[in-house]
C-alpha atoms as a PDB file:
ATOM      1  CA  MET A   1     114.590 235.494 172.120  1.00  0.00           C
ATOM      2  CA  THR A   2     112.735 234.805 175.347  1.00  0.00           C
ATOM      3  CA  ASP A   3     110.008 232.494 174.016  1.00  0.00           C
ATOM      4  CA  GLY A   4     112.306 229.473 173.637  1.00  0.00           C
ATOM      5  CA  ALA A   5     112.193 229.580 169.845  1.00  0.00           C
ATOM      6  CA  GLY A   6     115.747 230.898 169.262  1.00  0.00           C
ATOM      7  CA  ILE A   7     118.035 229.408 166.627  1.00  0.00           C
ATOM      8  CA  VAL A   8     120.458 226.875 168.084  1.00  0.00           C
ATOM      9  CA  GLU A   9     122.750 226.168 165.095  1.00  0.00           C
ATOM     10  CA  LEU A  10     122.825 226.184 161.313  1.00  0.00           C
ATOM     11  CA  GLY A  11     120.871 223.202 160.018  1.00  0.00           C
ATOM     12  CA  HIS A  12     121.879 222.816 156.379  1.00  0.00           C
ATOM     13  CA  VAL A  13     122.737 224.667 153.173  1.00  0.00           C
ATOM     14  CA  GLY A  14     121.481 223.816 149.710  1.00  0.00           C
ATOM     15  CA  LEU A  15     123.340 224.584 146.491  1.00  0.00           C
ATOM     16  CA  PHE A  16     122.129 224.440 142.905  1.00  0.00           C
ATOM     17  CA  VAL A  17     125.039 222.962 140.951  1.00  0.00           C
ATOM     18  CA  THR A  18     126.026 222.435 137.343  1.00  0.00           C
ATOM     19  CA  ASP A  19     127.952 219.145 137.622  1.00  0.00           C
ATOM     20  CA  ILE A  20     126.317 217.077 140.344  1.00  0.00           C
ATOM     21  CA  ASP A  21     128.806 214.188 140.008  1.00  0.00           C
ATOM     22  CA  ALA A  22     131.909 216.386 140.336  1.00  0.00           C
ATOM     23  CA  MET A  23     130.485 218.308 143.288  1.00  0.00           C
ATOM     24  CA  ARG A  24     129.330 215.138 145.047  1.00  0.00           C
ATOM     25  CA  SER A  25     132.748 213.516 144.521  1.00  0.00           C
ATOM     26  CA  PHE A  26     134.542 216.579 145.911  1.00  0.00           C
ATOM     27  CA  TYR A  27     132.479 216.881 149.081  1.00  0.00           C
ATOM     28  CA  GLU A  28     132.426 213.124 149.621  1.00  0.00           C
ATOM     29  CA  ASP A  29     136.016 212.146 148.737  1.00  0.00           C
ATOM     30  CA  ILE A  30     137.955 215.314 149.589  1.00  0.00           C
ATOM     31  CA  MET A  31     135.860 216.916 152.322  1.00  0.00           C
ATOM     32  CA  GLY A  32     134.950 213.580 153.894  1.00  0.00           C
ATOM     33  CA  LEU A  33     131.185 214.087 154.077  1.00  0.00           C
ATOM     34  CA  THR A  34     128.847 211.103 153.969  1.00  0.00           C
ATOM     35  CA  VAL A  35     126.057 210.809 151.432  1.00  0.00           C
ATOM     36  CA  SER A  36     123.018 210.079 153.554  1.00  0.00           C
ATOM     37  CA  ASP A  37     120.470 210.052 150.724  1.00  0.00           C
ATOM     38  CA  VAL A  38     120.087 210.601 146.996  1.00  0.00           C
ATOM     39  CA  ASN A  39     116.908 211.713 145.237  1.00  0.00           C
ATOM     40  CA  PRO A  40     116.277 208.950 142.693  1.00  0.00           C
ATOM     41  CA  VAL A  41     114.431 211.340 140.365  1.00  0.00           C
ATOM     42  CA  THR A  42     116.564 214.509 140.336  1.00  0.00           C
ATOM     43  CA  GLY A  43     119.869 213.050 141.541  1.00  0.00           C
ATOM     44  CA  ALA A  44     120.092 215.597 144.371  1.00  0.00           C
ATOM     45  CA  ALA A  45     122.549 214.422 147.040  1.00  0.00           C
ATOM     46  CA  PHE A  46     122.166 214.882 150.796  1.00  0.00           C
ATOM     47  CA  LEU A  47     125.470 214.962 152.691  1.00  0.00           C
ATOM     48  CA  SER A  48     126.438 215.238 156.345  1.00  0.00           C
ATOM     49  CA  SER A  49     129.575 215.225 158.469  1.00  0.00           C
ATOM     50  CA  ARG A  50     127.672 213.365 161.225  1.00  0.00           C
ATOM     51  CA  PRO A  51     124.824 211.431 159.614  1.00  0.00           C
ATOM     52  CA  GLU A  52     124.075 209.659 162.884  1.00  0.00           C
ATOM     53  CA  HIS A  53     123.062 213.007 164.388  1.00  0.00           C
ATOM     54  CA  GLU A  54     122.117 215.175 161.388  1.00  0.00           C
ATOM     55  CA  HIS A  55     120.612 213.636 158.269  1.00  0.00           C
ATOM     56  CA  HIS A  56     122.051 216.325 156.029  1.00  0.00           C
ATOM     57  CA  GLU A  57     124.034 219.549 156.365  1.00  0.00           C
ATOM     58  CA  LEU A  58     124.571 220.111 152.650  1.00  0.00           C
ATOM     59  CA  VAL A  59     122.238 219.483 149.730  1.00  0.00           C
ATOM     60  CA  LEU A  60     123.578 219.441 146.177  1.00  0.00           C
ATOM     61  CA  ALA A  61     120.805 219.818 143.623  1.00  0.00           C
ATOM     62  CA  PRO A  62     121.204 219.931 139.831  1.00  0.00           C
ATOM     63  CA  GLY A  63     119.778 222.849 137.902  1.00  0.00           C
ATOM     64  CA  ARG A  64     122.278 225.704 138.067  1.00  0.00           C
ATOM     65  CA  ASP A  65     122.796 227.457 134.747  1.00  0.00           C
ATOM     66  CA  PRO A  66     126.551 227.826 133.998  1.00  0.00           C
ATOM     67  CA  ALA A  67     125.799 231.256 132.529  1.00  0.00           C
ATOM     68  CA  SER A  68     123.901 232.483 135.564  1.00  0.00           C
ATOM     69  CA  GLY A  69     126.698 234.767 136.702  1.00  0.00           C
ATOM     70  CA  PRO A  70     128.465 234.961 140.070  1.00  0.00           C
ATOM     71  CA  GLN A  71     127.629 232.604 142.885  1.00  0.00           C
ATOM     72  CA  LEU A  72     125.123 233.782 145.466  1.00  0.00           C
ATOM     73  CA  ILE A  73     126.744 231.837 148.294  1.00  0.00           C
ATOM     74  CA  GLN A  74     129.186 233.977 150.360  1.00  0.00           C
ATOM     75  CA  GLN A  75     130.886 230.902 151.823  1.00  0.00           C
ATOM     76  CA  LEU A  76     130.362 227.501 153.385  1.00  0.00           C
ATOM     77  CA  SER A  77     132.155 226.848 156.679  1.00  0.00           C
ATOM     78  CA  TRP A  78     132.838 223.463 158.238  1.00  0.00           C
ATOM     79  CA  ARG A  79     134.242 223.050 161.742  1.00  0.00           C
ATOM     80  CA  LEU A  80     136.872 220.370 162.367  1.00  0.00           C
ATOM     81  CA  ASP A  81     137.730 218.786 165.696  1.00  0.00           C
ATOM     82  CA  GLY A  82     141.342 219.941 166.019  1.00  0.00           C
ATOM     83  CA  ILE A  83     144.470 221.373 164.410  1.00  0.00           C
ATOM     84  CA  ALA A  84     145.746 217.922 163.459  1.00  0.00           C
ATOM     85  CA  SER A  85     142.547 217.371 161.467  1.00  0.00           C
ATOM     86  CA  LEU A  86     143.018 220.780 159.853  1.00  0.00           C
ATOM     87  CA  GLN A  87     146.564 219.804 158.815  1.00  0.00           C
ATOM     88  CA  ARG A  88     145.335 216.551 157.283  1.00  0.00           C
ATOM     89  CA  MET A  89     142.568 218.379 155.427  1.00  0.00           C
ATOM     90  CA  HIS A  90     145.145 220.858 154.123  1.00  0.00           C
ATOM     91  CA  GLN A  91     147.235 218.044 152.667  1.00  0.00           C
ATOM     92  CA  ARG A  92     144.128 216.429 151.198  1.00  0.00           C
ATOM     93  CA  LEU A  93     143.090 219.676 149.499  1.00  0.00           C
ATOM     94  CA  LEU A  94     146.586 220.205 148.111  1.00  0.00           C
ATOM     95  CA  ALA A  95     146.654 216.666 146.721  1.00  0.00           C
ATOM     96  CA  SER A  96     143.246 217.156 145.097  1.00  0.00           C
ATOM     97  CA  GLY A  97     144.360 220.278 143.251  1.00  0.00           C
ATOM     98  CA  ALA A  98     141.718 222.442 144.919  1.00  0.00           C
ATOM     99  CA  GLU A  99     142.387 226.185 144.674  1.00  0.00           C
ATOM    100  CA  ILE A 100     143.356 227.338 148.160  1.00  0.00           C
ATOM    101  CA  VAL A 101     142.556 230.997 148.731  1.00  0.00           C
ATOM    102  CA  GLY A 102     144.306 231.358 152.072  1.00  0.00           C
ATOM    103  CA  VAL A 103     145.311 229.792 155.377  1.00  0.00           C
ATOM    104  CA  VAL A 104     144.604 232.297 158.123  1.00  0.00           C
ATOM    105  CA  THR A 105     144.033 232.788 161.801  1.00  0.00           C
ATOM    106  CA  HIS A 106     141.145 234.874 163.042  1.00  0.00           C
ATOM    107  CA  GLY A 107     142.509 234.634 166.571  1.00  0.00           C
ATOM    108  CA  ASN A 108     139.446 232.753 167.760  1.00  0.00           C
ATOM    109  CA  ALA A 109     139.728 230.275 164.867  1.00  0.00           C
ATOM    110  CA  ILE A 110     142.258 228.966 162.340  1.00  0.00           C
ATOM    111  CA  GLY A 111     140.884 228.188 158.900  1.00  0.00           C
ATOM    112  CA  ILE A 112     141.602 227.188 155.321  1.00  0.00           C
ATOM    113  CA  TYR A 113     139.676 229.019 152.594  1.00  0.00           C
ATOM    114  CA  PHE A 114     139.373 227.288 149.225  1.00  0.00           C
ATOM    115  CA  LEU A 115     137.111 226.915 146.189  1.00  0.00           C
ATOM    116  CA  ASP A 116     135.054 223.832 145.445  1.00  0.00           C
ATOM    117  CA  PRO A 117     134.763 222.545 141.848  1.00  0.00           C
ATOM    118  CA  GLU A 118     132.101 225.175 141.046  1.00  0.00           C
ATOM    119  CA  ARG A 119     134.121 227.914 142.751  1.00  0.00           C
ATOM    120  CA  ASN A 120     131.992 228.328 145.843  1.00  0.00           C
ATOM    121  CA  THR A 121     134.120 229.775 148.642  1.00  0.00           C
ATOM    122  CA  THR A 122     134.435 227.135 151.337  1.00  0.00           C
ATOM    123  CA  GLU A 123     136.154 227.099 154.708  1.00  0.00           C
ATOM    124  CA  VAL A 124     137.249 224.409 157.121  1.00  0.00           C
ATOM    125  CA  TYR A 125     138.276 225.685 160.531  1.00  0.00           C
ATOM    126  CA  VAL A 126     139.053 224.865 164.136  1.00  0.00           C
ATOM    127  CA  GLN A 127     138.234 226.995 167.136  1.00  0.00           C
ATOM    128  CA  THR A 128     141.146 228.149 169.306  1.00  0.00           C
ATOM    129  CA  GLY A 129     139.254 229.239 172.396  1.00  0.00           C
ATOM    130  CA  LEU A 130     140.907 232.670 172.342  1.00  0.00           C
ATOM    131  CA  PRO A 131     138.522 235.603 172.968  1.00  0.00           C
ATOM    132  CA  VAL A 132     139.630 237.706 170.000  1.00  0.00           C
ATOM    133  CA  PRO A 133     137.437 240.609 168.809  1.00  0.00           C
ATOM    134  CA  GLN A 134     136.618 240.497 165.110  1.00  0.00           C
ATOM    135  CA  PRO A 135     137.478 241.267 162.413  1.00  0.00           C
ATOM    136  CA  PHE A 136     141.001 239.896 162.694  1.00  0.00           C
ATOM    137  CA  ARG A 137     142.846 238.043 159.927  1.00  0.00           C
ATOM    138  CA  GLU A 138     146.518 237.101 159.550  1.00  0.00           C
ATOM    139  CA  THR A 139     148.201 234.494 157.358  1.00  0.00           C
ATOM    140  CA  ILE A 140     149.488 231.489 159.294  1.00  0.00           C
ATOM    141  CA  SER A 141     151.456 228.351 158.425  1.00  0.00           C
ATOM    142  CA  LEU A 142     150.135 224.881 159.197  1.00  0.00           C
ATOM    143  CA  GLU A 143     153.653 223.430 159.374  1.00  0.00           C
ATOM    144  CA  GLY A 144     154.778 222.092 162.732  1.00  0.00           C
ATOM    145  CA  ALA A 145     153.193 220.620 165.830  1.00  0.00           C
ATOM    146  CA  PRO A 146     149.566 221.573 166.598  1.00  0.00           C
ATOM    147  CA  GLU A 147     150.596 223.226 169.860  1.00  0.00           C
ATOM    148  CA  ASP A 148     153.145 225.374 168.009  1.00  0.00           C
ATOM    149  CA  ILE A 149     150.524 226.470 165.463  1.00  0.00           C
ATOM    150  CA  LEU A 150     148.149 227.416 168.279  1.00  0.00           C
ATOM    151  CA  ALA A 151     150.944 229.375 169.988  1.00  0.00           C
ATOM    152  CA  GLU A 152     151.734 231.169 166.725  1.00  0.00           C
ATOM    153  CA  SER A 153     148.077 232.079 166.293  1.00  0.00           C
ATOM    154  CA  GLU A 154     148.059 233.598 169.762  1.00  0.00           C
ATOM    155  CA  ARG A 155     151.356 235.408 169.092  1.00  0.00           C
ATOM    156  CA  LEU A 156     150.026 236.974 165.888  1.00  0.00           C
ATOM    157  CA  PHE A 157     147.133 238.483 167.775  1.00  0.00           C
ATOM    158  CA  VAL A 158     148.409 241.405 169.810  1.00  0.00           C
ATOM    159  CA  ARG A 159     146.038 244.293 170.155  1.00  0.00           C
ATOM    160  CA  SER A 160     146.857 247.294 172.315  1.00  0.00           C
ATOM    161  CA  VAL A 161     146.340 251.024 172.321  1.00  0.00           C
ATOM    162  CA  PHE A 162     149.208 253.353 173.151  1.00  0.00           C
ATOM    163  CA  THR A 163     149.080 257.133 173.208  1.00  0.00           C
ATOM    164  CA  ALA A 164     152.334 259.024 173.632  1.00  0.00           C
ATOM    165  CA  PRO A 165     152.211 262.117 175.851  1.00  0.00           C
ATOM    166  CA  GLY A 166     153.930 264.117 173.102  1.00  0.00           C
ATOM    167  CA  PRO A 167     156.391 263.955 170.196  1.00  0.00           C
ATOM    168  CA  THR A 168     159.958 262.754 170.577  1.00  0.00           C
ATOM    169  CA  PHE A 169     162.914 264.853 169.429  1.00  0.00           C
ATOM    170  CA  PRO A 170     166.037 263.115 168.106  1.00  0.00           C
ATOM    171  CA  PHE A 171     169.062 265.385 167.892  1.00  0.00           C
ATOM    172  CA  GLY A 172     172.613 265.437 166.607  1.00  0.00           C
ATOM    173  CA  THR A 173     175.535 267.398 165.217  1.00  0.00           C
ATOM    174  CA  HIS A 174     177.181 267.188 161.790  1.00  0.00           C
ATOM    175  CA  VAL A 175     180.573 268.645 160.827  1.00  0.00           C
ATOM    176  CA  ALA A 176     181.837 268.618 157.230  1.00  0.00           C
ATOM    177  CA  VAL A 177     185.268 269.280 155.725  1.00  0.00           C
ATOM    178  CA  VAL A 178     185.616 270.394 152.086  1.00  0.00           C
ATOM    179  CA  GLU A 179     188.289 271.745 149.775  1.00  0.00           C
ATOM    180  CA  VAL A 180     187.565 274.440 147.168  1.00  0.00           C
ATOM    181  CA  ASP A 181     189.554 275.091 144.006  1.00  0.00           C
ATOM    182  CA  THR A 182     189.447 278.901 143.959  1.00  0.00           C
ATOM    183  CA  GLU A 183     190.357 279.043 140.263  1.00  0.00           C
ATOM    184  CA  THR A 184     187.433 276.880 139.085  1.00  0.00           C
ATOM    185  CA  GLY A 185     185.037 276.932 142.033  1.00  0.00           C
ATOM    186  CA  LYS A 186     184.941 273.134 142.196  1.00  0.00           C
ATOM    187  CA  VAL A 187     184.228 271.718 145.661  1.00  0.00           C
ATOM    188  CA  PHE A 188     185.765 268.464 146.933  1.00  0.00           C
ATOM    189  CA  PHE A 189     183.934 266.619 149.737  1.00  0.00           C
ATOM    190  CA  ARG A 190     186.708 265.362 152.056  1.00  0.00           C
ATOM    191  CA  ARG A 191     185.195 264.375 155.397  1.00  0.00           C
ATOM    192  CA  ILE A 192     181.987 264.347 157.435  1.00  0.00           C
ATOM    193  CA  VAL A 193     181.573 263.437 161.098  1.00  0.00           C
ATOM    194  CA  THR A 194     178.050 262.970 162.457  1.00  0.00           C
ATOM    195  CA  VAL A 195     176.652 262.436 165.931  1.00  0.00           C
ATOM    196  CA  ASP A 196     173.022 261.298 165.949  1.00  0.00           C
ATOM    197  CA  ASP A 197     170.900 260.393 168.953  1.00  0.00           C
ATOM    198  CA  ALA A 198     167.736 258.423 168.204  1.00  0.00           C
ATOM    199  CA  GLY A 199     167.202 257.074 171.689  1.00  0.00           C
ATOM    200  CA  THR A 200     167.118 253.295 171.989  1.00  0.00           C
ATOM    201  CA  VAL A 201     168.147 251.817 168.638  1.00  0.00           C
ATOM    202  CA  MET A 202     166.326 248.539 167.980  1.00  0.00           C
ATOM    203  CA  ASN A 203     168.202 247.602 164.781  1.00  0.00           C
ATOM    204  CA  PRO A 204     171.681 249.198 164.512  1.00  0.00           C
ATOM    205  CA  LEU A 205     172.178 247.997 160.917  1.00  0.00           C
ATOM    206  CA  LEU A 206     169.001 249.673 159.663  1.00  0.00           C
ATOM    207  CA  ALA A 207     169.733 252.817 161.662  1.00  0.00           C
ATOM    208  CA  GLU A 208     173.212 253.068 160.131  1.00  0.00           C
ATOM    209  CA  GLY A 209     171.761 252.592 156.653  1.00  0.00           C
ATOM    210  CA  GLN A 210     169.278 255.409 157.272  1.00  0.00           C
ATOM    211  CA  ARG A 211     172.133 257.689 158.299  1.00  0.00           C
ATOM    212  CA  HIS A 212     174.303 256.779 155.286  1.00  0.00           C
ATOM    213  CA  GLY A 213     171.541 257.457 152.794  1.00  0.00           C
ATOM    214  CA  GLY A 214     170.457 260.636 154.522  1.00  0.00           C
ATOM    215  CA  ILE A 215     173.974 262.086 154.650  1.00  0.00           C
ATOM    216  CA  ALA A 216     174.497 261.461 150.933  1.00  0.00           C
ATOM    217  CA  GLN A 217     171.119 262.983 150.109  1.00  0.00           C
ATOM    218  CA  GLY A 218     171.707 266.021 152.329  1.00  0.00           C
ATOM    219  CA  ALA A 219     175.174 266.636 150.894  1.00  0.00           C
ATOM    220  CA  ALA A 220     173.837 266.323 147.336  1.00  0.00           C
ATOM    221  CA  GLN A 221     171.215 268.944 148.128  1.00  0.00           C
ATOM    222  CA  ALA A 222     173.934 271.349 149.244  1.00  0.00           C
ATOM    223  CA  PHE A 223     176.299 270.554 146.360  1.00  0.00           C
ATOM    224  CA  LEU A 224     174.217 269.832 143.276  1.00  0.00           C
ATOM    225  CA  GLU A 225     170.468 269.394 143.433  1.00  0.00           C
ATOM    226  CA  GLU A 226     168.390 272.145 141.872  1.00  0.00           C
ATOM    227  CA  VAL A 227     165.177 272.360 139.863  1.00  0.00           C
ATOM    228  CA  VAL A 228     165.812 274.802 136.994  1.00  0.00           C
ATOM    229  CA  TYR A 229     163.310 276.398 134.600  1.00  0.00           C
ATOM    230  CA  ASP A 230     163.849 278.464 131.478  1.00  0.00           C
ATOM    231  CA  GLU A 231     162.343 281.931 130.982  1.00  0.00           C
ATOM    232  CA  ASP A 232     159.114 280.361 129.665  1.00  0.00           C
ATOM    233  CA  GLY A 233     158.683 278.129 132.699  1.00  0.00           C
ATOM    234  CA  ASN A 234     159.789 274.888 131.022  1.00  0.00           C
ATOM    235  CA  PRO A 235     161.706 272.521 133.339  1.00  0.00           C
ATOM    236  CA  LEU A 236     165.340 272.074 132.354  1.00  0.00           C
ATOM    237  CA  THR A 237     166.100 269.368 134.930  1.00  0.00           C
ATOM    238  CA  ALA A 238     163.379 266.852 134.151  1.00  0.00           C
ATOM    239  CA  THR A 239     165.634 263.782 133.872  1.00  0.00           C
ATOM    240  CA  PHE A 240     168.648 262.388 135.695  1.00  0.00           C
ATOM    241  CA  ALA A 241     170.739 263.439 132.723  1.00  0.00           C
ATOM    242  CA  ASP A 242     170.097 267.060 133.744  1.00  0.00           C
ATOM    243  CA  TYR A 243     169.421 266.726 137.489  1.00  0.00           C
ATOM    244  CA  PRO A 244     172.733 265.815 139.146  1.00  0.00           C
ATOM    245  CA  PHE A 245     173.168 263.829 142.339  1.00  0.00           C
ATOM    246  CA  LEU A 246     176.083 262.356 144.280  1.00  0.00           C
ATOM    247  CA  SER A 247     177.332 258.863 143.569  1.00  0.00           C
ATOM    248  CA  ALA A 248     179.200 256.632 146.006  1.00  0.00           C
ATOM    249  CA  THR A 249     182.507 257.616 144.409  1.00  0.00           C
ATOM    250  CA  GLU A 250     181.957 261.286 145.243  1.00  0.00           C
ATOM    251  CA  VAL A 251     181.463 260.987 148.991  1.00  0.00           C
ATOM    252  CA  PRO A 252     184.017 260.142 151.682  1.00  0.00           C
ATOM    253  CA  SER A 253     183.616 257.329 154.180  1.00  0.00           C
ATOM    254  CA  PHE A 254     181.195 258.608 156.774  1.00  0.00           C
ATOM    255  CA  GLU A 255     182.371 258.832 160.368  1.00  0.00           C
ATOM    256  CA  LEU A 256     179.369 257.981 162.527  1.00  0.00           C
ATOM    257  CA  VAL A 257     179.351 258.586 166.270  1.00  0.00           C
ATOM    258  CA  ASP A 258     176.535 257.003 168.259  1.00  0.00           C
ATOM    259  CA  MET A 259     174.713 258.504 171.214  1.00  0.00           C
ATOM    260  CA  GLU A 260     171.736 256.992 172.981  1.00  0.00           C
ATOM    261  CA  THR A 261     169.450 259.091 175.148  1.00  0.00           C
ATOM    262  CA  PRO A 262     166.215 257.098 175.611  1.00  0.00           C
ATOM    263  CA  THR A 263     162.997 259.053 175.587  1.00  0.00           C
ATOM    264  CA  SER A 264     160.528 258.641 178.438  1.00  0.00           C
ATOM    265  CA  TYR A 265     157.591 259.059 176.059  1.00  0.00           C
ATOM    266  CA  ASN A 266     157.352 255.398 175.013  1.00  0.00           C
ATOM    267  CA  PRO A 267     158.241 252.033 176.590  1.00  0.00           C
ATOM    268  CA  LEU A 268     161.072 251.365 174.122  1.00  0.00           C
ATOM    269  CA  GLY A 269     162.778 254.693 174.612  1.00  0.00           C
ATOM    270  CA  ALA A 270     163.070 254.974 170.824  1.00  0.00           C
ATOM    271  CA  LYS A 271     163.034 258.149 168.745  1.00  0.00           C
ATOM    272  CA  GLY A 272     163.071 258.701 164.982  1.00  0.00           C
ATOM    273  CA  ILE A 273     166.131 258.602 162.752  1.00  0.00           C
ATOM    274  CA  GLY A 274     164.651 258.542 159.244  1.00  0.00           C
ATOM    275  CA  GLU A 275     165.719 262.077 158.250  1.00  0.00           C
ATOM    276  CA  ALA A 276     168.592 262.659 160.668  1.00  0.00           C
ATOM    277  CA  GLY A 277     171.261 262.402 157.965  1.00  0.00           C
ATOM    278  CA  SER A 278     169.551 264.633 155.429  1.00  0.00           C
ATOM    279  CA  ILE A 279     168.645 267.315 157.990  1.00  0.00           C
ATOM    280  CA  GLY A 280     172.152 267.635 159.414  1.00  0.00           C
ATOM    281  CA  ALA A 281     174.319 267.112 156.331  1.00  0.00           C
ATOM    282  CA  THR A 282     172.878 269.898 154.191  1.00  0.00           C
ATOM    283  CA  PRO A 283     173.745 272.877 156.452  1.00  0.00           C
ATOM    284  CA  ALA A 284     177.014 271.241 157.524  1.00  0.00           C
ATOM    285  CA  VAL A 285     178.235 270.927 153.936  1.00  0.00           C
ATOM    286  CA  GLN A 286     176.866 274.327 152.878  1.00  0.00           C
ATOM    287  CA  ASN A 287     178.540 276.084 155.787  1.00  0.00           C
ATOM    288  CA  ALA A 288     181.794 274.202 155.168  1.00  0.00           C
ATOM    289  CA  VAL A 289     181.937 275.532 151.593  1.00  0.00           C
ATOM    290  CA  ILE A 290     181.333 279.126 152.703  1.00  0.00           C
ATOM    291  CA  ASP A 291     183.870 278.780 155.516  1.00  0.00           C
ATOM    292  CA  ALA A 292     186.464 277.446 153.063  1.00  0.00           C
ATOM    293  CA  VAL A 293     186.298 280.675 151.011  1.00  0.00           C
ATOM    294  CA  SER A 294     185.424 283.104 153.803  1.00  0.00           C
ATOM    295  CA  HIS A 295     189.033 284.348 153.924  1.00  0.00           C
ATOM    296  CA  LEU A 296     188.450 285.699 150.425  1.00  0.00           C
ATOM    297  CA  GLY A 297     185.533 287.782 151.641  1.00  0.00           C
ATOM    298  CA  VAL A 298     182.696 285.405 150.727  1.00  0.00           C
ATOM    299  CA  THR A 299     179.899 285.464 153.299  1.00  0.00           C
ATOM    300  CA  HIS A 300     177.036 283.809 151.434  1.00  0.00           C
ATOM    301  CA  ILE A 301     176.416 281.380 148.554  1.00  0.00           C
ATOM    302  CA  ASP A 302     172.957 280.190 147.557  1.00  0.00           C
ATOM    303  CA  MET A 303     172.395 276.442 147.414  1.00  0.00           C
ATOM    304  CA  PRO A 304     173.452 274.453 145.604  1.00  0.00           C
ATOM    305  CA  THR A 305     177.136 275.324 145.791  1.00  0.00           C
ATOM    306  CA  SER A 306     177.833 274.438 142.175  1.00  0.00           C
ATOM    307  CA  SER A 307     181.235 275.248 140.698  1.00  0.00           C
ATOM    308  CA  GLN A 308     179.734 278.183 138.794  1.00  0.00           C
ATOM    309  CA  ARG A 309     178.127 279.735 141.876  1.00  0.00           C
ATOM    310  CA  VAL A 310     181.240 279.288 144.016  1.00  0.00           C
ATOM    311  CA  TRP A 311     183.436 280.774 141.276  1.00  0.00           C
ATOM    312  CA  ARG A 312     181.111 283.761 140.898  1.00  0.00           C
ATOM    313  CA  ALA A 313     180.989 284.328 144.664  1.00  0.00           C
ATOM    314  CA  ILE A 314     184.805 284.254 144.883  1.00  0.00           C
ATOM    315  CA  ASN A 315     185.212 286.663 141.989  1.00  0.00           C
ATOM    316  CA  ALA A 316     182.499 288.980 143.297  1.00  0.00           C
ATOM    317  CA  ALA A 317     184.295 289.114 146.657  1.00  0.00           C
ATOM    318  CA  ARG A 318     187.626 289.786 144.955  1.00  0.00           C
ATOM    319  CA  ASP A 319     186.098 292.567 142.841  1.00  0.00           C
ATOM    320  CA  SER A 320     184.498 294.086 145.901  1.00  0.00           C
ATOM    321  CA  ALA A 321     187.804 294.007 147.758  1.00  0.00           C
ATOM    322  CA  ALA A 322     189.617 295.543 144.790  1.00  0.00           C
ATOM    323  CA  ASN A 323     187.079 298.342 144.473  1.00  0.00           C
ATOM    324  CA  GLY A 324     187.334 298.992 148.164  1.00  0.00           C
ATOM    325  CA  SER A 325     191.102 299.287 147.897  1.00  0.00           C
ATOM    326  CA  LYS A 326     190.814 301.781 145.030  1.00  0.00           C
ATOM    327  CA  GLU A 327     188.382 303.952 147.006  1.00  0.00           C
ATOM    328  CA  ALA A 328     190.707 303.901 149.989  1.00  0.00           C
END
């Protein structure tokens, strides 16, 4: 406003309450406000955090119907003079049994949200001086020195925009070794060696776990996994009793070889590795099975390479070779 009549600050808030004594005790004893006046007729209490400057900032007036439904107040907010005061208030609220909704940093402020005895949302906060755009909200601990809490609040607020010039492409090579019982068609998984390059690896333990799980999943897809329906379209593999998968006892120890070619498309040089194991293991295992029986004339087997399919492929190749010999 340009006429000099702009609002300077919030003057006071008035609440209709059900239990005037309990509400007055809470805001006086727990919140530390001073009762500056009491209406001798209605019992309404006038409270202030600085009665020498502001006669009242909160008015508690009796008359609220307990059955009136949800509160109309969004929240009450009280500013404290520092983080040490906020820590003391936190301990006071905990000791009083008040229901604390959350302790958060908004970047530009650190606050405690709680409910007063009549479940009005209330906040006590301190300003941090950080120019943080809103909305921003992260949980923060009030344990430790005030300067450490302020540093943690600043650390939690990191806002940046990064646009990669294009996708990254992790790559690798998988080689599998299997044995096939030509009389039964059963396949034995003997060895797998994988080379995966995900650029800069930030957490080697997690990356290795991703590769282990992916290799097992990819091998199971080549060996066992299949969704089967009957002639009427009813699923026959609807449970794990019917849908097979590999267990830890059915896979060899994986031989993992690491390569690291950082990408130039992000500052970390990192690329993805989430599906590296499953993408490479499936064709490696499938091709290993076909290669193991290729000397018998087998050139193709549909996935999965179940014992029945392998046995049929071997016998079909043998029959074809026998028929060819007869024609010759």
